[in-house]
Amino acid sequence: YFEIGEQTFPEGLYWIISRNWETGVMEWQEKAKEGEILEGPTVGVSSDK
């Protein structure tokens, strides 16, 4: 994923908008302060790691 923006919230969480390299799909992902991705709203896209 390629991060192209972020939005910080008072709760200490922030969202990044990222683009999937293979599909070109842009999606917001919730991340913790440490940078761990907690969840992605567009879960319907399957990815092979």
PDB file of N, CA and C in Angstrom:
ATOM      1  N   TYR A   1       0.835  -1.202   0.000  1.00  0.00           N
ATOM      2  CA  TYR A   1       0.000   0.000   0.000  1.00  0.00           C
ATOM      3  C   TYR A   1       0.870   1.253   0.000  1.00  0.00           C
ATOM      4  N   PHE A   2       0.368   2.283  -0.602  1.00  0.00           N
ATOM      5  CA  PHE A   2       1.098   3.535  -0.700  1.00  0.00           C
ATOM      6  C   PHE A   2       0.278   4.618  -0.017  1.00  0.00           C
ATOM      7  N   GLU A   3       0.849   5.217   1.026  1.00  0.00           N
ATOM      8  CA  GLU A   3       0.120   6.231   1.776  1.00  0.00           C
ATOM      9  C   GLU A   3       0.166   7.556   1.025  1.00  0.00           C
ATOM     10  N   ILE A   4      -1.001   8.170   0.842  1.00  0.00           N
ATOM     11  CA  ILE A   4      -1.045   9.439   0.128  1.00  0.00           C
ATOM     12  C   ILE A   4      -1.725  10.532   0.937  1.00  0.00           C
ATOM     13  N   GLY A   5      -2.050  10.257   2.193  1.00  0.00           N
ATOM     14  CA  GLY A   5      -2.676  11.289   3.012  1.00  0.00           C
ATOM     15  C   GLY A   5      -3.044  10.714   4.358  1.00  0.00           C
ATOM     16  N   GLU A   6      -3.342  11.580   5.304  1.00  0.00           N
ATOM     17  CA  GLU A   6      -3.743  11.093   6.616  1.00  0.00           C
ATOM     18  C   GLU A   6      -4.636  12.118   7.285  1.00  0.00           C
ATOM     19  N   GLN A   7      -5.406  11.639   8.254  1.00  0.00           N
ATOM     20  CA  GLN A   7      -6.288  12.514   9.020  1.00  0.00           C
ATOM     21  C   GLN A   7      -6.216  12.077  10.471  1.00  0.00           C
ATOM     22  N   THR A   8      -5.858  12.996  11.362  1.00  0.00           N
ATOM     23  CA  THR A   8      -5.713  12.669  12.776  1.00  0.00           C
ATOM     24  C   THR A   8      -6.996  13.018  13.528  1.00  0.00           C
ATOM     25  N   PHE A   9      -7.334  12.176  14.502  1.00  0.00           N
ATOM     26  CA  PHE A   9      -8.529  12.398  15.301  1.00  0.00           C
ATOM     27  C   PHE A   9      -8.154  12.541  16.774  1.00  0.00           C
ATOM     28  N   PRO A  10      -8.978  13.226  17.567  1.00  0.00           N
ATOM     29  CA  PRO A  10      -8.663  13.479  18.979  1.00  0.00           C
ATOM     30  C   PRO A  10      -8.495  12.209  19.803  1.00  0.00           C
ATOM     31  N   GLU A  11      -9.105  11.114  19.361  1.00  0.00           N
ATOM     32  CA  GLU A  11      -9.034   9.879  20.134  1.00  0.00           C
ATOM     33  C   GLU A  11      -7.647   9.249  20.076  1.00  0.00           C
ATOM     34  N   GLY A  12      -6.762   9.809  19.270  1.00  0.00           N
ATOM     35  CA  GLY A  12      -5.424   9.251  19.166  1.00  0.00           C
ATOM     36  C   GLY A  12      -5.275   8.316  17.987  1.00  0.00           C
ATOM     37  N   LEU A  13      -6.398   8.036  17.315  1.00  0.00           N
ATOM     38  CA  LEU A  13      -6.331   7.231  16.106  1.00  0.00           C
ATOM     39  C   LEU A  13      -6.237   8.153  14.912  1.00  0.00           C
ATOM     40  N   TYR A  14      -5.702   7.656  13.831  1.00  0.00           N
ATOM     41  CA  TYR A  14      -5.731   8.444  12.614  1.00  0.00           C
ATOM     42  C   TYR A  14      -5.908   7.533  11.427  1.00  0.00           C
ATOM     43  N   TRP A  15      -6.398   8.115  10.365  1.00  0.00           N
ATOM     44  CA  TRP A  15      -6.684   7.359   9.160  1.00  0.00           C
ATOM     45  C   TRP A  15      -5.714   7.775   8.076  1.00  0.00           C
ATOM     46  N   ILE A  16      -5.287   6.810   7.280  1.00  0.00           N
ATOM     47  CA  ILE A  16      -4.499   7.124   6.101  1.00  0.00           C
ATOM     48  C   ILE A  16      -5.302   6.715   4.881  1.00  0.00           C
ATOM     49  N   ILE A  17      -5.127   7.435   3.803  1.00  0.00           N
ATOM     50  CA  ILE A  17      -5.715   6.975   2.541  1.00  0.00           C
ATOM     51  C   ILE A  17      -4.584   6.362   1.735  1.00  0.00           C
ATOM     52  N   SER A  18      -4.796   5.140   1.316  1.00  0.00           N
ATOM     53  CA  SER A  18      -3.725   4.409   0.658  1.00  0.00           C
ATOM     54  C   SER A  18      -4.237   3.797  -0.632  1.00  0.00           C
ATOM     55  N   ARG A  19      -3.312   3.577  -1.546  1.00  0.00           N
ATOM     56  CA  ARG A  19      -3.679   2.990  -2.830  1.00  0.00           C
ATOM     57  C   ARG A  19      -3.059   1.605  -2.927  1.00  0.00           C
ATOM     58  N   ASN A  20      -3.894   0.632  -3.285  1.00  0.00           N
ATOM     59  CA  ASN A  20      -3.395  -0.719  -3.507  1.00  0.00           C
ATOM     60  C   ASN A  20      -2.647  -0.728  -4.828  1.00  0.00           C
ATOM     61  N   TRP A  21      -1.371  -1.124  -4.787  1.00  0.00           N
ATOM     62  CA  TRP A  21      -0.540  -1.088  -5.991  1.00  0.00           C
ATOM     63  C   TRP A  21      -1.114  -1.956  -7.104  1.00  0.00           C
ATOM     64  N   GLU A  22      -1.662  -3.110  -6.752  1.00  0.00           N
ATOM     65  CA  GLU A  22      -2.070  -4.080  -7.768  1.00  0.00           C
ATOM     66  C   GLU A  22      -3.420  -3.743  -8.387  1.00  0.00           C
ATOM     67  N   THR A  23      -4.354  -3.249  -7.580  1.00  0.00           N
ATOM     68  CA  THR A  23      -5.699  -2.995  -8.085  1.00  0.00           C
ATOM     69  C   THR A  23      -5.942  -1.523  -8.374  1.00  0.00           C
ATOM     70  N   GLY A  24      -5.117  -0.644  -7.797  1.00  0.00           N
ATOM     71  CA  GLY A  24      -5.324   0.786  -7.979  1.00  0.00           C
ATOM     72  C   GLY A  24      -6.452   1.332  -7.135  1.00  0.00           C
ATOM     73  N   VAL A  25      -6.990   0.508  -6.232  1.00  0.00           N
ATOM     74  CA  VAL A  25      -8.109   0.929  -5.399  1.00  0.00           C
ATOM     75  C   VAL A  25      -7.595   1.794  -4.250  1.00  0.00           C
ATOM     76  N   MET A  26      -8.236   2.945  -4.063  1.00  0.00           N
ATOM     77  CA  MET A  26      -7.883   3.802  -2.940  1.00  0.00           C
ATOM     78  C   MET A  26      -8.841   3.530  -1.793  1.00  0.00           C
ATOM     79  N   GLU A  27      -8.306   3.451  -0.571  1.00  0.00           N
ATOM     80  CA  GLU A  27      -9.147   3.159   0.582  1.00  0.00           C
ATOM     81  C   GLU A  27      -8.563   3.809   1.823  1.00  0.00           C
ATOM     82  N   TRP A  28      -9.458   4.132   2.765  1.00  0.00           N
ATOM     83  CA  TRP A  28      -9.023   4.656   4.050  1.00  0.00           C
ATOM     84  C   TRP A  28      -8.747   3.488   4.984  1.00  0.00           C
ATOM     85  N   GLN A  29      -7.698   3.613   5.779  1.00  0.00           N
ATOM     86  CA  GLN A  29      -7.379   2.587   6.761  1.00  0.00           C
ATOM     87  C   GLN A  29      -7.129   3.257   8.102  1.00  0.00           C
ATOM     88  N   GLU A  30      -7.687   2.655   9.143  1.00  0.00           N
ATOM     89  CA  GLU A  30      -7.497   3.183  10.486  1.00  0.00           C
ATOM     90  C   GLU A  30      -6.184   2.662  11.037  1.00  0.00           C
ATOM     91  N   LYS A  31      -5.380   3.555  11.618  1.00  0.00           N
ATOM     92  CA  LYS A  31      -4.093   3.147  12.163  1.00  0.00           C
ATOM     93  C   LYS A  31      -3.950   3.653  13.590  1.00  0.00           C
ATOM     94  N   ALA A  32      -3.205   2.893  14.387  1.00  0.00           N
ATOM     95  CA  ALA A  32      -2.907   3.315  15.742  1.00  0.00           C
ATOM     96  C   ALA A  32      -1.689   4.235  15.724  1.00  0.00           C
ATOM     97  N   LYS A  33      -1.353   4.825  16.857  1.00  0.00           N
ATOM     98  CA  LYS A  33      -0.213   5.732  16.932  1.00  0.00           C
ATOM     99  C   LYS A  33       1.081   5.047  16.507  1.00  0.00           C
ATOM    100  N   GLU A  34       1.198   3.753  16.832  1.00  0.00           N
ATOM    101  CA  GLU A  34       2.415   3.025  16.519  1.00  0.00           C
ATOM    102  C   GLU A  34       2.516   2.714  15.031  1.00  0.00           C
ATOM    103  N   GLY A  35       1.442   2.989  14.290  1.00  0.00           N
ATOM    104  CA  GLY A  35       1.467   2.752  12.854  1.00  0.00           C
ATOM    105  C   GLY A  35       0.853   1.422  12.467  1.00  0.00           C
ATOM    106  N   GLU A  36       0.334   0.691  13.461  1.00  0.00           N
ATOM    107  CA  GLU A  36      -0.315  -0.583  13.158  1.00  0.00           C
ATOM    108  C   GLU A  36      -1.681  -0.335  12.531  1.00  0.00           C
ATOM    109  N   ILE A  37      -1.947  -0.994  11.426  1.00  0.00           N
ATOM    110  CA  ILE A  37      -3.247  -0.850  10.784  1.00  0.00           C
ATOM    111  C   ILE A  37      -4.272  -1.683  11.545  1.00  0.00           C
ATOM    112  N   LEU A  38      -5.310  -1.031  12.060  1.00  0.00           N
ATOM    113  CA  LEU A  38      -6.327  -1.719  12.841  1.00  0.00           C
ATOM    114  C   LEU A  38      -7.387  -2.338  11.948  1.00  0.00           C
ATOM    115  N   GLU A  39      -7.820  -1.592  10.946  1.00  0.00           N
ATOM    116  CA  GLU A  39      -8.835  -2.129  10.059  1.00  0.00           C
ATOM    117  C   GLU A  39      -8.890  -1.301   8.789  1.00  0.00           C
ATOM    118  N   GLY A  40      -9.437  -1.908   7.750  1.00  0.00           N
ATOM    119  CA  GLY A  40      -9.654  -1.187   6.501  1.00  0.00           C
ATOM    120  C   GLY A  40     -11.123  -1.275   6.149  1.00  0.00           C
ATOM    121  N   PRO A  41     -11.734  -0.166   5.790  1.00  0.00           N
ATOM    122  CA  PRO A  41     -13.175  -0.151   5.519  1.00  0.00           C
ATOM    123  C   PRO A  41     -13.572  -0.929   4.270  1.00  0.00           C
ATOM    124  N   THR A  42     -12.658  -1.080   3.335  1.00  0.00           N
ATOM    125  CA  THR A  42     -12.985  -1.820   2.116  1.00  0.00           C
ATOM    126  C   THR A  42     -12.399  -3.218   2.220  1.00  0.00           C
ATOM    127  N   VAL A  43     -13.055  -4.026   3.050  1.00  0.00           N
ATOM    128  CA  VAL A  43     -12.541  -5.358   3.341  1.00  0.00           C
ATOM    129  C   VAL A  43     -12.805  -6.317   2.189  1.00  0.00           C
ATOM    130  N   GLY A  44     -13.675  -5.920   1.264  1.00  0.00           N
ATOM    131  CA  GLY A  44     -14.047  -6.810   0.173  1.00  0.00           C
ATOM    132  C   GLY A  44     -12.903  -7.123  -0.776  1.00  0.00           C
ATOM    133  N   VAL A  45     -11.825  -6.351  -0.717  1.00  0.00           N
ATOM    134  CA  VAL A  45     -10.698  -6.579  -1.615  1.00  0.00           C
ATOM    135  C   VAL A  45      -9.762  -7.596  -0.985  1.00  0.00           C
ATOM    136  N   SER A  46      -9.539  -8.703  -1.663  1.00  0.00           N
ATOM    137  CA  SER A  46      -8.638  -9.723  -1.141  1.00  0.00           C
ATOM    138  C   SER A  46      -7.226  -9.428  -1.619  1.00  0.00           C
ATOM    139  N   SER A  47      -6.244  -9.696  -0.758  1.00  0.00           N
ATOM    140  CA  SER A  47      -4.857  -9.439  -1.125  1.00  0.00           C
ATOM    141  C   SER A  47      -3.998 -10.621  -0.707  1.00  0.00           C
ATOM    142  N   ASP A  48      -3.122 -11.033  -1.587  1.00  0.00           N
ATOM    143  CA  ASP A  48      -2.194 -12.114  -1.271  1.00  0.00           C
ATOM    144  C   ASP A  48      -0.889 -11.510  -0.793  1.00  0.00           C
ATOM    145  N   LYS A  49      -0.467 -11.921   0.402  1.00  0.00           N
ATOM    146  CA  LYS A  49       0.777 -11.389   0.960  1.00  0.00           C
ATOM    147  C   LYS A  49       1.884 -12.412   0.788  1.00  0.00           C
TER     148      LYS A  49
END
